[in-house]
Amino acid sequence: MHFVIGGAVNGRRFYGTPPAIGNNTADDVGQGCLLPTIGVDQYASTLASWFGVTPSNMSTELPNIGNYNASTWNLGFV
């Protein structure tokens, strides 16, 4: 769970899908851990683009961003 706060933030929205909480659910990966639907790199790429990082330089700044579809790099919260 991440909270992003600031004047440029499009607030009052939930990004991603809430996990199914419980034992042996689709999002349960064991020992009380839940599988997120949005990765930290996707949040970071959204903030990085706001700071001026271009899509062509995104993989330099965030080496794991290539694991995600480029259409999900900018979540649109700023």
N, C-alpha and C. Protein backbone atom coordinates (compact mmCIF):
# COMPACT_ATOMS: atom_id res chain seq x y z
N MET A 1 0.85 -1.16 0.00
CA MET A 1 0.00 0.00 0.00
C MET A 1 0.90 1.22 0.00
N HIS A 2 0.62 2.15 -0.90
CA HIS A 2 1.37 3.40 -0.99
C HIS A 2 0.40 4.57 -0.93
N PHE A 3 0.84 5.63 -0.31
CA PHE A 3 0.08 6.86 -0.29
C PHE A 3 0.93 7.93 -0.96
N VAL A 4 0.35 8.62 -1.93
CA VAL A 4 1.05 9.71 -2.61
C VAL A 4 0.25 10.98 -2.32
N ILE A 5 0.93 11.98 -1.79
CA ILE A 5 0.27 13.19 -1.34
C ILE A 5 0.92 14.39 -2.02
N GLY A 6 0.11 15.35 -2.44
CA GLY A 6 0.64 16.58 -3.02
C GLY A 6 -0.40 17.29 -3.85
N GLY A 7 -0.12 18.53 -4.20
CA GLY A 7 -1.06 19.33 -4.96
C GLY A 7 -1.34 18.81 -6.35
N ALA A 8 -0.36 18.16 -6.98
CA ALA A 8 -0.54 17.66 -8.35
C ALA A 8 -1.22 16.29 -8.41
N VAL A 9 -1.48 15.68 -7.25
CA VAL A 9 -2.03 14.33 -7.21
C VAL A 9 -3.53 14.35 -7.50
N ASN A 10 -3.94 13.45 -8.39
CA ASN A 10 -5.37 13.24 -8.65
C ASN A 10 -5.92 12.38 -7.51
N GLY A 11 -6.46 13.02 -6.53
CA GLY A 11 -6.85 12.32 -5.30
C GLY A 11 -8.18 11.62 -5.37
N ARG A 12 -8.50 10.99 -4.25
CA ARG A 12 -9.76 10.28 -4.04
C ARG A 12 -9.96 9.12 -5.00
N ARG A 13 -8.87 8.51 -5.42
CA ARG A 13 -8.95 7.36 -6.31
C ARG A 13 -8.12 6.22 -5.74
N PHE A 14 -8.52 5.03 -6.07
CA PHE A 14 -7.79 3.83 -5.68
C PHE A 14 -7.21 3.25 -6.96
N TYR A 15 -5.91 3.04 -7.00
CA TYR A 15 -5.25 2.49 -8.18
C TYR A 15 -4.90 1.04 -7.92
N GLY A 16 -5.21 0.20 -8.88
CA GLY A 16 -4.99 -1.23 -8.71
C GLY A 16 -6.28 -1.90 -8.28
N THR A 17 -6.16 -3.14 -7.89
CA THR A 17 -7.30 -3.94 -7.44
C THR A 17 -7.06 -4.37 -6.01
N PRO A 18 -8.03 -4.16 -5.14
CA PRO A 18 -7.83 -4.62 -3.76
C PRO A 18 -7.62 -6.14 -3.74
N PRO A 19 -6.68 -6.62 -2.93
CA PRO A 19 -6.43 -8.06 -2.89
C PRO A 19 -7.54 -8.82 -2.18
N ALA A 20 -7.71 -10.05 -2.58
CA ALA A 20 -8.64 -10.95 -1.88
C ALA A 20 -7.92 -11.41 -0.62
N ILE A 21 -8.42 -11.01 0.53
CA ILE A 21 -7.76 -11.31 1.80
C ILE A 21 -8.28 -12.62 2.36
N GLY A 22 -7.36 -13.50 2.71
CA GLY A 22 -7.73 -14.78 3.30
C GLY A 22 -6.71 -15.84 2.94
N ASN A 23 -6.81 -16.96 3.60
CA ASN A 23 -5.91 -18.08 3.31
C ASN A 23 -6.34 -18.77 2.03
N ASN A 24 -5.36 -19.13 1.23
CA ASN A 24 -5.56 -19.85 -0.02
C ASN A 24 -6.42 -19.10 -1.03
N THR A 25 -6.38 -17.77 -1.02
CA THR A 25 -7.05 -16.99 -2.05
C THR A 25 -6.10 -16.83 -3.23
N ALA A 26 -6.60 -16.26 -4.31
CA ALA A 26 -5.77 -16.07 -5.51
C ALA A 26 -4.58 -15.14 -5.24
N ASP A 27 -4.72 -14.22 -4.29
CA ASP A 27 -3.66 -13.26 -4.00
C ASP A 27 -2.75 -13.68 -2.85
N ASP A 28 -3.03 -14.78 -2.20
CA ASP A 28 -2.25 -15.28 -1.07
C ASP A 28 -1.01 -16.02 -1.59
N VAL A 29 0.18 -15.50 -1.24
CA VAL A 29 1.41 -16.18 -1.65
C VAL A 29 2.08 -16.89 -0.48
N GLY A 30 1.41 -16.97 0.64
CA GLY A 30 1.92 -17.71 1.78
C GLY A 30 2.46 -16.83 2.89
N GLN A 31 2.39 -17.33 4.09
CA GLN A 31 2.92 -16.68 5.29
C GLN A 31 2.41 -15.26 5.47
N GLY A 32 1.15 -15.03 5.15
CA GLY A 32 0.54 -13.72 5.35
C GLY A 32 0.87 -12.68 4.31
N CYS A 33 1.51 -13.07 3.22
CA CYS A 33 1.88 -12.12 2.16
C CYS A 33 0.84 -12.14 1.05
N LEU A 34 0.49 -10.95 0.57
CA LEU A 34 -0.47 -10.82 -0.51
C LEU A 34 0.23 -10.29 -1.77
N LEU A 35 -0.14 -10.81 -2.91
CA LEU A 35 0.43 -10.42 -4.18
C LEU A 35 -0.22 -9.12 -4.65
N PRO A 36 0.56 -8.05 -4.84
CA PRO A 36 -0.02 -6.78 -5.28
C PRO A 36 -0.37 -6.81 -6.77
N THR A 37 -1.28 -5.94 -7.17
CA THR A 37 -1.63 -5.86 -8.59
C THR A 37 -0.84 -4.78 -9.31
N ILE A 38 -0.22 -3.89 -8.58
CA ILE A 38 0.61 -2.84 -9.16
C ILE A 38 1.97 -2.88 -8.48
N GLY A 39 3.03 -2.87 -9.28
CA GLY A 39 4.38 -2.94 -8.74
C GLY A 39 4.93 -1.58 -8.33
N VAL A 40 5.90 -1.60 -7.45
CA VAL A 40 6.56 -0.38 -6.99
C VAL A 40 7.17 0.36 -8.19
N ASP A 41 7.68 -0.39 -9.17
CA ASP A 41 8.27 0.25 -10.35
C ASP A 41 7.23 1.05 -11.13
N GLN A 42 5.98 0.59 -11.14
CA GLN A 42 4.94 1.34 -11.84
C GLN A 42 4.63 2.65 -11.12
N TYR A 43 4.59 2.62 -9.80
CA TYR A 43 4.42 3.86 -9.05
C TYR A 43 5.60 4.79 -9.30
N ALA A 44 6.80 4.23 -9.25
CA ALA A 44 8.01 5.03 -9.43
C ALA A 44 8.09 5.63 -10.83
N SER A 45 7.67 4.88 -11.84
CA SER A 45 7.73 5.42 -13.20
C SER A 45 6.73 6.56 -13.39
N THR A 46 5.60 6.48 -12.71
CA THR A 46 4.64 7.58 -12.76
C THR A 46 5.25 8.84 -12.17
N LEU A 47 5.89 8.70 -11.02
CA LEU A 47 6.54 9.86 -10.39
C LEU A 47 7.74 10.32 -11.22
N ALA A 48 8.49 9.38 -11.77
CA ALA A 48 9.66 9.75 -12.59
C ALA A 48 9.23 10.53 -13.82
N SER A 49 8.14 10.14 -14.46
CA SER A 49 7.68 10.89 -15.63
C SER A 49 7.24 12.29 -15.23
N TRP A 50 6.66 12.43 -14.05
CA TRP A 50 6.28 13.75 -13.55
C TRP A 50 7.52 14.62 -13.33
N PHE A 51 8.62 13.99 -12.91
CA PHE A 51 9.88 14.70 -12.71
C PHE A 51 10.63 14.94 -14.01
N GLY A 52 10.11 14.43 -15.13
CA GLY A 52 10.71 14.71 -16.43
C GLY A 52 11.48 13.58 -17.08
N VAL A 53 11.49 12.40 -16.50
CA VAL A 53 12.18 11.27 -17.13
C VAL A 53 11.36 10.84 -18.34
N THR A 54 12.01 10.74 -19.49
CA THR A 54 11.31 10.33 -20.71
C THR A 54 11.13 8.82 -20.75
N PRO A 55 10.13 8.34 -21.51
CA PRO A 55 9.93 6.89 -21.62
C PRO A 55 11.17 6.15 -22.12
N SER A 56 11.96 6.78 -23.00
CA SER A 56 13.16 6.12 -23.51
C SER A 56 14.25 5.98 -22.45
N ASN A 57 14.22 6.82 -21.43
CA ASN A 57 15.21 6.73 -20.34
C ASN A 57 14.68 6.01 -19.11
N MET A 58 13.43 5.60 -19.14
CA MET A 58 12.81 4.99 -17.96
C MET A 58 13.53 3.71 -17.53
N SER A 59 13.95 2.89 -18.49
CA SER A 59 14.63 1.63 -18.12
C SER A 59 16.01 1.88 -17.52
N THR A 60 16.60 3.04 -17.79
CA THR A 60 17.87 3.40 -17.16
C THR A 60 17.64 3.74 -15.69
N GLU A 61 16.58 4.48 -15.44
CA GLU A 61 16.26 4.88 -14.07
C GLU A 61 15.64 3.75 -13.26
N LEU A 62 14.82 2.93 -13.91
CA LEU A 62 14.12 1.82 -13.25
C LEU A 62 14.37 0.54 -14.04
N PRO A 63 15.44 -0.19 -13.75
CA PRO A 63 15.82 -1.36 -14.55
C PRO A 63 14.74 -2.43 -14.66
N ASN A 64 13.86 -2.54 -13.68
CA ASN A 64 12.83 -3.59 -13.71
C ASN A 64 11.56 -3.18 -14.43
N ILE A 65 11.47 -1.94 -14.89
CA ILE A 65 10.24 -1.46 -15.51
C ILE A 65 9.92 -2.22 -16.79
N GLY A 66 10.91 -2.79 -17.43
CA GLY A 66 10.70 -3.59 -18.64
C GLY A 66 9.87 -4.84 -18.39
N ASN A 67 9.68 -5.22 -17.14
CA ASN A 67 8.86 -6.39 -16.81
C ASN A 67 7.37 -6.08 -16.92
N TYR A 68 7.03 -4.81 -17.12
CA TYR A 68 5.64 -4.39 -17.18
C TYR A 68 5.33 -3.84 -18.57
N ASN A 69 4.09 -3.97 -18.98
CA ASN A 69 3.63 -3.42 -20.24
C ASN A 69 3.80 -1.90 -20.20
N ALA A 70 4.35 -1.32 -21.25
CA ALA A 70 4.62 0.12 -21.27
C ALA A 70 3.36 0.96 -21.07
N SER A 71 2.21 0.42 -21.40
CA SER A 71 0.96 1.18 -21.21
C SER A 71 0.61 1.32 -19.73
N THR A 72 1.25 0.55 -18.86
CA THR A 72 0.98 0.64 -17.41
C THR A 72 2.08 1.38 -16.67
N TRP A 73 3.00 1.98 -17.37
CA TRP A 73 4.10 2.70 -16.71
C TRP A 73 3.62 3.97 -16.04
N ASN A 74 2.63 4.63 -16.61
CA ASN A 74 2.12 5.85 -16.03
C ASN A 74 0.70 5.58 -15.53
N LEU A 75 0.54 5.52 -14.22
CA LEU A 75 -0.74 5.19 -13.62
C LEU A 75 -1.72 6.36 -13.64
N GLY A 76 -1.20 7.56 -13.89
CA GLY A 76 -2.06 8.73 -14.04
C GLY A 76 -2.47 9.42 -12.76
N PHE A 77 -1.77 9.16 -11.67
CA PHE A 77 -2.17 9.85 -10.43
C PHE A 77 -1.54 11.21 -10.25
N VAL A 78 -0.61 11.59 -11.13
CA VAL A 78 -0.07 12.96 -11.15
C VAL A 78 -0.07 13.46 -12.58
